[in-house]
Protein backbone atom coordinates (compact mmCIF):
# COMPACT_ATOMS: atom_id res chain seq x y z
CA MET A 1 4.31 38.51 43.59
CA THR A 2 7.21 40.79 42.70
CA LEU A 3 9.17 42.53 45.42
CA HIS A 4 9.55 45.94 43.81
CA GLU A 5 7.20 48.87 44.28
CA PRO A 6 5.33 50.21 41.20
CA MET A 7 7.31 52.87 39.36
CA GLN A 8 7.03 55.04 36.26
CA ASP A 9 8.95 54.10 33.11
CA ASP A 10 11.43 56.96 33.49
CA GLU A 11 12.18 55.93 37.07
CA ARG A 12 12.90 52.23 36.59
CA GLY A 13 16.60 52.83 36.44
CA ALA A 14 16.59 54.16 40.00
CA ALA A 15 16.60 50.70 41.55
CA THR A 16 20.06 49.28 42.17
CA VAL A 17 18.81 45.72 41.81
CA ALA A 18 15.93 45.46 39.37
CA GLY A 19 12.83 43.95 40.85
CA LEU A 20 14.13 43.88 44.43
CA VAL A 21 14.85 47.33 45.83
CA GLU A 22 11.97 49.46 47.06
CA ARG A 23 11.84 52.85 45.35
CA ARG A 24 10.07 54.88 48.03
CA SER A 25 11.81 56.04 51.18
CA ILE A 26 10.98 59.19 53.15
CA ASP A 27 8.50 60.51 50.56
CA VAL A 28 4.70 60.15 50.72
CA ILE A 29 3.34 56.90 49.32
CA PRO A 30 0.87 57.81 46.53
CA ASP A 31 -2.58 56.23 46.64
CA SER A 32 -1.81 54.41 43.37
CA GLU A 33 0.98 52.48 45.10
CA ARG A 34 -0.93 51.55 48.27
CA HIS A 35 -1.55 47.86 48.83
CA GLY A 36 -2.07 45.19 51.47
CA ARG A 37 -4.50 44.53 54.31
CA ALA A 38 -4.42 45.39 57.99
CA ALA A 39 -4.08 41.68 58.85
CA GLY A 40 -0.57 41.81 57.41
CA GLN A 41 0.48 43.73 60.52
CA PHE A 42 -0.32 40.68 62.64
CA THR A 43 2.13 38.33 60.92
CA LEU A 44 4.88 40.96 60.77
CA TRP A 45 4.77 41.75 64.48
CA LEU A 46 4.16 38.16 65.55
CA GLY A 47 7.29 37.10 63.67
CA ALA A 48 9.27 40.05 65.05
CA ASN A 49 8.47 39.03 68.64
CA LEU A 50 8.82 35.24 68.47
CA GLN A 51 12.57 35.42 68.91
CA ILE A 52 15.39 34.91 71.38
CA THR A 53 15.82 38.50 72.61
CA ALA A 54 12.19 38.60 73.73
CA VAL A 55 12.86 35.34 75.55
CA VAL A 56 15.83 36.97 77.32
CA THR A 57 13.67 39.97 78.24
CA GLY A 58 11.14 37.73 79.92
CA ALA A 59 13.92 35.86 81.71
CA LEU A 60 15.27 39.12 83.14
CA ALA A 61 12.15 39.54 85.28
CA VAL A 62 13.01 36.28 87.07
CA VAL A 63 16.77 36.88 87.06
CA PHE A 64 16.19 40.14 88.94
CA GLY A 65 14.16 38.36 91.62
CA ALA A 66 10.49 38.14 90.64
CA GLY A 67 8.64 34.84 91.13
CA ALA A 68 7.49 33.11 87.96
CA LEU A 69 3.78 33.84 88.49
CA TRP A 70 4.10 37.57 89.14
CA ALA A 71 6.79 37.88 86.49
CA VAL A 72 4.45 36.46 83.83
CA LEU A 73 1.54 38.64 84.97
CA GLY A 74 3.72 41.75 85.08
CA LEU A 75 5.04 41.02 81.61
CA LEU A 76 1.45 40.65 80.38
CA VAL A 77 0.44 44.04 81.79
CA GLY A 78 3.46 45.71 80.21
CA ASN A 79 2.87 44.07 76.84
CA VAL A 80 -0.75 45.23 76.78
CA LEU A 81 -0.02 48.80 77.90
CA GLY A 82 3.12 49.29 75.83
CA GLY A 83 1.63 47.40 72.89
CA ALA A 84 -1.42 49.68 72.86
CA VAL A 85 0.81 52.76 72.59
CA MET A 86 2.81 51.08 69.85
CA ALA A 87 -0.34 50.07 67.93
CA LEU A 88 -1.65 53.65 68.05
CA HIS A 89 1.49 54.67 66.17
CA ALA A 90 0.88 51.89 63.63
CA ALA A 91 -2.57 53.30 62.87
CA GLN A 92 -0.90 56.55 61.73
CA GLY A 93 0.83 54.82 58.80
CA PRO A 94 -2.08 54.48 56.34
CA ARG A 95 -3.25 58.02 57.08
CA LEU A 96 0.08 59.79 56.56
CA GLY A 97 1.79 57.41 54.11
CA LEU A 98 5.08 58.50 55.66
CA PRO A 99 7.79 56.99 57.85
CA GLN A 100 7.00 57.41 61.54
CA MET A 101 9.68 59.95 62.42
CA ILE A 102 8.81 62.28 59.52
CA SER A 103 5.54 63.02 61.32
CA SER A 104 7.58 64.24 64.31
CA ARG A 105 8.39 67.33 62.27
CA ALA A 106 4.84 68.55 62.81
CA GLN A 107 5.51 68.60 66.56
CA PHE A 108 9.25 69.33 66.80
CA GLY A 109 9.87 71.31 63.60
CA VAL A 110 11.50 70.17 60.36
CA ARG A 111 14.96 70.46 61.91
CA GLY A 112 14.00 70.14 65.57
CA ALA A 113 12.89 66.56 64.91
CA VAL A 114 16.57 65.66 64.68
CA VAL A 115 16.73 65.69 68.51
CA PRO A 116 14.57 62.58 69.03
CA LEU A 117 15.88 61.21 65.73
CA LEU A 118 19.45 61.03 67.05
CA LEU A 119 18.23 59.05 70.02
CA VAL A 120 16.17 56.79 67.76
CA VAL A 121 19.26 55.97 65.71
CA VAL A 122 21.07 55.06 68.95
CA MET A 123 18.12 52.78 69.76
CA TYR A 124 18.18 51.02 66.41
CA THR A 125 21.93 50.56 66.56
CA GLY A 126 21.74 49.21 70.11
CA PHE A 127 19.00 46.73 69.28
CA PHE A 128 20.85 45.71 66.13
CA ALA A 129 23.92 45.01 68.26
CA SER A 130 22.11 43.12 71.02
CA GLY A 131 20.16 41.02 68.54
CA THR A 132 23.26 40.29 66.51
CA VAL A 133 25.08 38.91 69.57
CA LEU A 134 22.44 36.23 70.13
CA ALA A 135 21.83 35.52 66.44
CA GLY A 136 25.56 35.41 65.82
CA GLN A 137 25.85 32.62 68.38
CA ALA A 138 23.21 30.65 66.47
CA VAL A 139 24.79 31.29 63.06
CA GLY A 140 28.23 30.50 64.42
CA ARG A 141 27.11 27.13 65.74
CA LEU A 142 25.01 26.36 62.65
CA THR A 143 27.91 27.06 60.28
CA ARG A 144 30.68 25.97 62.70
CA LEU A 145 32.40 29.33 62.10
CA GLY A 146 32.27 30.49 65.73
CA ASP A 147 30.52 33.42 67.39
CA THR A 148 32.59 36.25 65.93
CA ALA A 149 32.26 35.09 62.33
CA GLY A 150 28.59 34.29 62.98
CA ILE A 151 27.99 37.87 64.11
CA VAL A 152 29.60 39.31 60.97
CA VAL A 153 27.75 36.95 58.60
CA PHE A 154 24.40 37.63 60.27
CA ALA A 155 24.94 41.40 60.14
CA ALA A 156 25.71 41.25 56.41
CA VAL A 157 22.57 39.22 55.63
CA THR A 158 20.50 41.68 57.67
CA ALA A 159 21.84 44.63 55.70
CA VAL A 160 21.17 43.06 52.30
CA THR A 161 17.59 42.24 53.29
CA ALA A 162 16.99 45.75 54.67
CA VAL A 163 18.17 47.35 51.43
CA CYS A 164 15.42 45.50 49.54
CA GLY A 165 12.76 47.27 51.61
CA TYR A 166 9.09 47.12 52.52
CA ARG A 167 7.76 44.12 50.60
CA MET A 168 10.74 41.96 51.50
CA VAL A 169 10.31 42.90 55.17
CA HIS A 170 6.66 41.81 55.17
CA ALA A 171 7.45 38.60 53.25
CA LEU A 172 10.10 37.78 55.83
CA GLY A 173 7.61 38.48 58.63
CA ARG A 174 5.10 36.02 57.18
CA ILE A 175 7.72 33.29 57.01
CA ALA A 176 9.13 34.03 60.46
CA SER A 177 5.69 34.07 62.09
CA ALA A 178 4.82 30.60 60.77
CA VAL A 179 8.22 29.08 61.53
CA GLY A 180 8.45 30.78 64.93
CA ALA A 181 4.97 29.69 66.00
CA LEU A 182 5.74 26.05 65.21
CA ALA A 183 9.13 26.19 66.93
CA PHE A 184 7.88 27.90 70.08
CA ALA A 185 4.94 25.50 70.34
CA TYR A 186 7.38 22.60 70.23
CA LEU A 187 9.77 24.23 72.70
CA GLY A 188 6.88 25.01 75.03
CA VAL A 189 5.89 21.35 75.13
CA ARG A 190 9.50 20.36 75.81
CA LEU A 191 9.73 22.93 78.62
CA LEU A 192 6.56 21.55 80.23
CA GLU A 193 8.03 18.04 80.07
CA ARG A 194 11.25 19.12 81.76
CA THR A 195 9.96 21.66 84.28
CA ASP A 196 7.37 21.43 87.05
CA VAL A 197 5.57 24.60 86.00
CA GLY A 198 2.88 24.10 88.63
CA ALA A 199 5.49 24.22 91.38
CA LEU A 200 7.06 27.35 89.89
CA LEU A 201 3.71 29.16 89.75
CA ALA A 202 2.77 28.03 93.27
CA HIS A 203 5.04 30.64 94.84
CA HIS A 204 2.66 33.58 95.32
CA THR A 205 4.92 35.99 97.21
CA PHE A 206 4.20 39.43 95.81
CA SER A 207 6.74 42.27 95.58
CA ALA A 208 5.43 45.51 94.12
CA PRO A 209 8.88 46.75 92.98
CA LEU A 210 9.65 43.45 91.22
CA PHE A 211 6.19 43.34 89.67
CA LEU A 212 6.63 46.87 88.33
CA LEU A 213 10.06 45.89 87.04
CA SER A 214 8.43 43.09 85.05
CA VAL A 215 5.86 45.56 83.70
CA SER A 216 8.61 48.01 82.77
CA LEU A 217 10.67 45.39 80.94
CA SER A 218 7.85 44.38 78.61
CA ALA A 219 6.43 47.90 78.27
CA SER A 220 9.86 49.19 77.24
CA TRP A 221 10.12 46.39 74.71
CA GLN A 222 6.85 47.49 73.09
CA LEU A 223 7.43 51.24 73.36
CA ALA A 224 10.77 50.84 71.60
CA PHE A 225 8.89 49.80 68.43
CA GLY A 226 6.97 53.10 68.45
CA PRO A 227 9.41 55.26 66.48
CA TYR A 228 9.28 52.98 63.43
CA VAL A 229 6.05 50.97 63.59
CA ALA A 230 4.24 53.19 61.06
CA ASP A 231 7.08 52.59 58.58
CA TYR A 232 5.57 49.13 58.08
CA SER A 233 1.94 50.21 57.71
CA ARG A 234 2.45 53.27 55.51
CA TYR A 235 1.75 51.39 52.25
CA LEU A 236 -1.71 50.30 53.37
CA PRO A 237 -4.57 52.01 51.48
CA ARG A 238 -5.43 55.38 52.99
CA GLN A 239 -8.97 54.31 53.92
CA THR A 240 -7.82 51.20 55.80
CA SER A 241 -9.62 51.10 59.15
CA ALA A 242 -7.45 52.62 61.87
CA ARG A 243 -9.19 50.35 64.36
CA ALA A 244 -8.27 47.28 62.30
CA VAL A 245 -4.63 48.35 62.05
CA PHE A 246 -4.57 48.95 65.82
CA TRP A 247 -6.01 45.56 66.79
CA TRP A 248 -4.05 43.50 64.27
CA THR A 249 -0.82 45.20 65.35
CA LEU A 250 -1.57 44.87 69.06
CA GLY A 251 -2.61 41.25 68.56
CA GLY A 252 0.60 40.32 66.75
CA THR A 253 3.03 42.16 68.97
CA GLY A 254 1.23 41.32 72.21
CA LEU A 255 0.82 37.62 71.48
CA GLY A 256 4.34 37.19 70.11
CA ALA A 257 6.06 39.05 72.92
CA GLN A 258 4.04 37.45 75.72
CA TRP A 259 4.57 33.98 74.25
CA SER A 260 8.35 34.50 74.07
CA MET A 261 8.67 36.27 77.41
CA THR A 262 6.58 33.70 79.28
CA PHE A 263 8.82 30.99 77.87
CA GLY A 264 11.88 32.96 79.02
CA ALA A 265 10.51 33.59 82.52
CA LEU A 266 9.60 29.93 83.06
CA ALA A 267 12.89 28.72 81.62
CA ALA A 268 14.89 31.05 83.87
CA ALA A 269 12.84 30.06 86.93
CA GLY A 270 13.19 26.35 86.25
CA ALA A 271 16.75 26.15 84.92
CA GLY A 272 18.44 28.94 86.88
CA GLY A 273 22.11 29.25 85.98
CA ALA A 274 21.76 26.72 83.18
CA PHE A 275 19.71 29.30 81.26
CA SER A 276 21.05 32.75 82.22
CA GLY A 277 24.08 33.57 80.14
CA HIS A 278 23.58 30.48 77.96
CA GLU A 279 20.22 31.30 76.39
CA VAL A 280 20.88 30.05 72.86
CA GLY A 281 22.53 26.83 74.04
CA TYR A 282 19.74 26.15 76.51
CA VAL A 283 16.98 26.61 73.92
CA VAL A 284 18.71 24.31 71.44
CA GLY A 285 19.45 21.74 74.15
CA LEU A 286 15.83 21.85 75.27
CA GLY A 287 14.76 20.75 71.79
CA GLY A 288 16.78 17.54 71.95
CA GLY A 289 16.65 15.21 69.00
CA GLY A 290 20.27 15.24 67.81
CA THR A 291 22.21 17.21 65.23
CA VAL A 292 19.44 17.74 62.67
CA LEU A 293 16.95 19.18 65.15
CA ALA A 294 19.66 21.28 66.80
CA GLY A 295 20.51 22.76 63.40
CA ALA A 296 16.84 23.49 62.77
CA LEU A 297 16.54 25.32 66.09
CA TYR A 298 19.68 27.36 65.42
CA PHE A 299 18.09 28.31 62.09
CA VAL A 300 14.83 29.32 63.84
CA ILE A 301 16.76 31.52 66.29
CA ALA A 302 18.65 33.18 63.45
CA LEU A 303 15.47 33.69 61.38
CA GLY A 304 13.60 35.30 64.27
CA LYS A 305 16.46 37.67 64.94
CA LEU A 306 16.84 38.39 61.23
CA THR A 307 13.24 39.62 61.11
CA VAL A 308 13.54 42.11 63.94
CA ASN A 309 17.08 43.16 63.01
CA VAL A 310 15.90 43.98 59.50
CA LEU A 311 13.22 46.19 61.09
CA ASN A 312 15.89 47.92 63.17
CA THR A 313 18.20 48.41 60.20
CA TYR A 314 15.45 49.65 57.89
CA GLY A 315 14.21 51.98 60.63
CA GLY A 316 17.76 53.22 61.21
CA PHE A 317 18.11 54.04 57.54
CA MET A 318 14.77 55.90 57.61
CA SER A 319 15.74 57.88 60.70
CA LEU A 320 19.18 58.85 59.41
CA ALA A 321 17.68 59.91 56.09
CA THR A 322 14.95 61.89 57.85
CA GLY A 323 17.48 63.71 60.03
CA VAL A 324 19.82 64.59 57.17
CA SER A 325 17.01 65.61 54.82
CA GLY A 326 15.65 68.07 57.40
CA PHE A 327 18.78 70.16 56.89
CA ARG A 328 19.44 69.43 53.22
CA GLY A 329 15.85 69.74 52.02
CA ASP A 330 15.82 66.33 50.31
CA ARG A 331 12.38 64.84 49.67
CA THR A 332 13.62 61.46 48.42
CA VAL A 333 16.59 59.16 48.99
CA SER A 334 18.48 57.53 46.11
CA PRO A 335 19.12 53.76 46.11
CA ARG A 336 22.83 54.47 46.51
CA ALA A 337 22.22 56.65 49.55
CA ARG A 338 19.87 54.00 50.96
CA THR A 339 22.64 51.43 50.73
CA GLY A 340 25.05 53.82 52.43
CA TYR A 341 22.71 54.51 55.34
CA VAL A 342 22.01 50.80 55.83
CA ALA A 343 25.74 50.03 55.74
CA LEU A 344 26.40 52.70 58.37
CA VAL A 345 23.86 51.19 60.76
CA MET A 346 25.22 47.70 60.09
CA VAL A 347 28.87 48.62 60.70
CA ALA A 348 28.14 50.57 63.90
CA GLY A 349 25.89 47.83 65.27
CA THR A 350 28.37 45.08 64.39
CA VAL A 351 31.24 46.85 66.11
CA ILE A 352 29.16 47.28 69.28
CA ALA A 353 28.10 43.63 69.12
CA LEU A 354 31.68 42.40 68.86
CA LEU A 355 32.88 44.63 71.69
CA GLY A 356 29.97 43.84 74.03
CA LYS A 357 29.24 40.18 73.29
CA ASP A 358 30.72 38.93 76.58
CA SER A 359 28.59 41.15 78.86
CA PHE A 360 25.32 41.12 76.97
CA LEU A 361 22.65 40.38 79.59
CA SER A 362 23.32 43.18 82.08
CA SER A 363 24.03 45.71 79.34
CA PHE A 364 20.79 44.88 77.58
CA ALA A 365 18.72 45.38 80.75
CA ASP A 366 20.20 48.84 81.24
CA PHE A 367 19.59 49.62 77.59
CA LEU A 368 15.88 48.82 77.93
CA ILE A 369 15.52 51.17 80.91
CA PHE A 370 17.44 53.83 79.00
CA LEU A 371 15.03 53.52 76.07
CA LEU A 372 12.01 54.08 78.28
CA THR A 373 13.45 57.34 79.58
CA PHE A 374 13.90 58.94 76.19
CA PHE A 375 11.10 57.52 74.08
CA THR A 376 8.02 57.64 76.26
CA PRO A 377 7.90 61.48 76.11
CA TRP A 378 8.27 61.34 72.33
CA SER A 379 5.42 58.82 72.04
CA ALA A 380 3.18 60.92 74.29
CA ILE A 381 3.78 64.12 72.28
CA ASN A 382 3.39 62.43 68.88
CA LEU A 383 0.16 60.62 69.77
CA VAL A 384 -1.49 63.56 71.54
CA ASP A 385 -0.73 65.76 68.55
CA PHE A 386 -2.03 63.28 65.97
CA TYR A 387 -5.20 62.13 67.73
CA TRP A 388 -6.15 65.16 69.85
CA VAL A 389 -4.39 68.39 68.86
CA SER A 390 -4.19 68.21 65.06
CA ARG A 391 -6.89 65.54 64.71
CA GLU A 392 -5.19 64.06 61.64
CA ARG A 393 -4.93 67.45 59.92
CA TYR A 394 -1.40 67.89 58.57
CA ASP A 395 0.21 69.97 55.86
CA LEU A 396 2.30 67.20 54.29
CA PRO A 397 4.39 69.42 51.94
CA ALA A 398 5.26 71.65 54.92
CA LEU A 399 6.89 68.67 56.65
CA CYS A 400 9.82 69.18 54.26
CA ASP A 401 9.99 72.99 54.45
CA PRO A 402 11.80 74.53 57.45
CA HIS A 403 10.30 77.89 56.48
CA GLY A 404 6.75 76.56 56.25
CA ARG A 405 3.89 75.99 58.68
CA TYR A 406 5.90 73.89 61.13
CA GLY A 407 9.10 75.91 61.02
CA GLY A 408 12.63 74.70 61.58
CA TRP A 409 12.54 74.37 65.37
CA ARG A 410 9.49 74.20 67.64
CA TRP A 411 11.06 75.20 70.91
CA ARG A 412 8.01 74.74 73.08
CA THR A 413 7.72 71.11 72.03
CA LEU A 414 11.43 70.56 72.60
CA LEU A 415 11.00 72.08 76.07
CA VAL A 416 8.09 69.74 76.83
CA TYR A 417 10.20 66.82 75.63
CA ALA A 418 13.14 67.87 77.82
CA VAL A 419 10.86 68.27 80.84
CA GLY A 420 9.37 64.84 80.14
CA VAL A 421 12.82 63.25 80.11
CA ALA A 422 14.04 65.14 83.20
CA ALA A 423 10.88 64.41 85.19
CA GLN A 424 11.57 60.68 84.94
CA LEU A 425 15.03 60.84 86.51
CA PRO A 426 13.87 60.93 90.18
CA PHE A 427 11.86 57.75 89.52
CA LEU A 428 14.44 55.91 87.41
CA SER A 429 16.17 52.79 88.72
CA SER A 430 19.12 51.27 86.88
CA SER A 431 22.54 49.87 87.63
CA PHE A 432 24.27 53.16 86.82
CA TYR A 433 21.75 55.62 88.30
CA THR A 434 18.95 55.42 90.85
CA GLY A 435 16.67 58.42 91.44
CA PRO A 436 15.94 59.76 94.94
CA LEU A 437 12.24 58.77 94.82
CA VAL A 438 12.88 55.11 94.03
CA ALA A 439 13.56 54.10 97.65
CA PRO A 440 10.41 55.76 99.07
CA LEU A 441 8.42 53.78 96.47
CA GLY A 442 9.91 50.53 97.71
CA GLY A 443 12.39 50.32 94.85
CA ALA A 444 9.72 50.46 92.13
CA ASP A 445 10.61 52.12 88.83
CA VAL A 446 7.59 54.13 87.64
CA SER A 447 9.57 56.53 85.43
CA TRP A 448 7.90 55.35 82.22
CA ILE A 449 4.44 56.24 83.59
CA VAL A 450 5.66 59.76 84.40
CA GLY A 451 7.24 59.96 80.94
CA LEU A 452 3.92 59.20 79.24
CA VAL A 453 1.50 61.21 81.35
CA LEU A 454 3.37 64.47 82.05
CA PRO A 455 4.42 65.33 78.46
CA ALA A 456 0.93 64.46 77.20
CA LEU A 457 -0.63 66.90 79.68
CA LEU A 458 1.93 69.64 79.03
CA TYR A 459 1.64 69.36 75.27
CA GLY A 460 -2.14 69.52 75.60
CA VAL A 461 -1.84 72.98 77.13
CA TRP A 462 -1.27 74.35 73.62
CA THR A 463 -4.14 72.36 72.12
CA PRO A 464 -6.55 75.26 71.34
CA ALA A 465 -3.95 77.33 69.51
CA ALA A 466 -2.53 74.37 67.61
CA ARG A 467 -5.96 73.12 66.60
CA ALA A 468 -6.96 76.57 65.36
CA ALA A 469 -3.71 76.86 63.41
CA GLY A 470 -4.47 73.65 61.53
CA SER A 471 -8.24 74.02 61.18
CA ASP A 472 -7.89 74.98 57.51
CA LEU A 473 -6.25 71.67 56.62
CA PRO A 474 -8.05 68.56 55.34
CA ARG A 475 -7.74 65.31 57.27
CA VAL A 476 -4.93 63.13 55.97
CA SER A 477 -7.47 60.34 55.42
CA ASP A 478 -8.98 62.43 52.61
CA PRO A 479 -7.92 60.90 49.25
CA ALA A 480 -7.44 64.41 47.87
CA VAL A 481 -4.55 65.12 50.26
């Protein structure tokens, strides 16, 4: 199997590295270049979630005070709810054949979409940085170069892989899912040997705020994939079952995240201070078996983080290109520009990783809460428009024309988005800000629920007019589109 996308004879020179670099970017994927099966989404998202940062996310539920039993159950609820929203976005990919954030132009306007896009780029850069800190520790120990050099080396490998594009990303996901599953199965057995899990789960004291915190941690993890999940399903044939894409995506991301987070919650509950702040060292030490096995586990940690960091870097490139093209009118991105966008994400993320590597855990928790605040309204608006308002009827050429059907700025949508963000603030609980309604709710953070429901209802107010405006359009599942 070659790693390049099919291209015409007069376009073969466009690839910077023959046979490796994907040609398509923000443009529509033609039916002649569609390939793959929905089941491929399972391995990609399983591999992306069987990794150390998901383990840390699960551990946070216990670190912040939840008992192991209710932490695991709360994480499960959040993974199912957030994963379902994420999988609904994945099902858009085969229909539109476009990167996820391009479709936001139908709701926000060709140029108005830059508002959520800017925040998405911040998200990708932040996740790149946080993932690079942990992976850099693994690379540094594996190569004996130290954490700082490990961070730089890992960031460079991530960027090179992201430049290659879609097929390389999926190939990496298949490898990471198999390797990660074997490694986490082994580590799970070792954890059970070392920890009295029955005793940990025997503590049944329930705290609604801490349970909701656990739900929010895992839900935010899943919702954060939403702005780029369709990027990795957009090459599937147009007639691929949306239901199949949904369930394979939900299955992969839900199973992978819950597996990793349960491991993290139990490890944090059983090991306490030996785990928190020393996550990579603890996982490798848990494996036992001497230098060879330790090296293998460091490699597994680095591979898992490489998979998800490539997703973040590739998504960052797509989002930057989408934002810039909305003002410049570009419909494609050259290989040279692709490399530049990827390098920009890599450099920014690496700088943040190096500056913040000594205070990672608390900063990452705040970052997750921050993500919920700004991306749940976007998800609500995008999904309501696709599945209810427009009913998969889009004018794809108009998505690149600020003077076309969708205009440059759709102020009503931007207002709904702003209201959705603002409405969450009274319910938001974080280390740097706590809303006035958190205390009356017993300390529970329910901001993400408000951020999903309210914007969806407000955007639906304009449903009749929007549906009538697009009633002349064919469904994007029509091969003639």
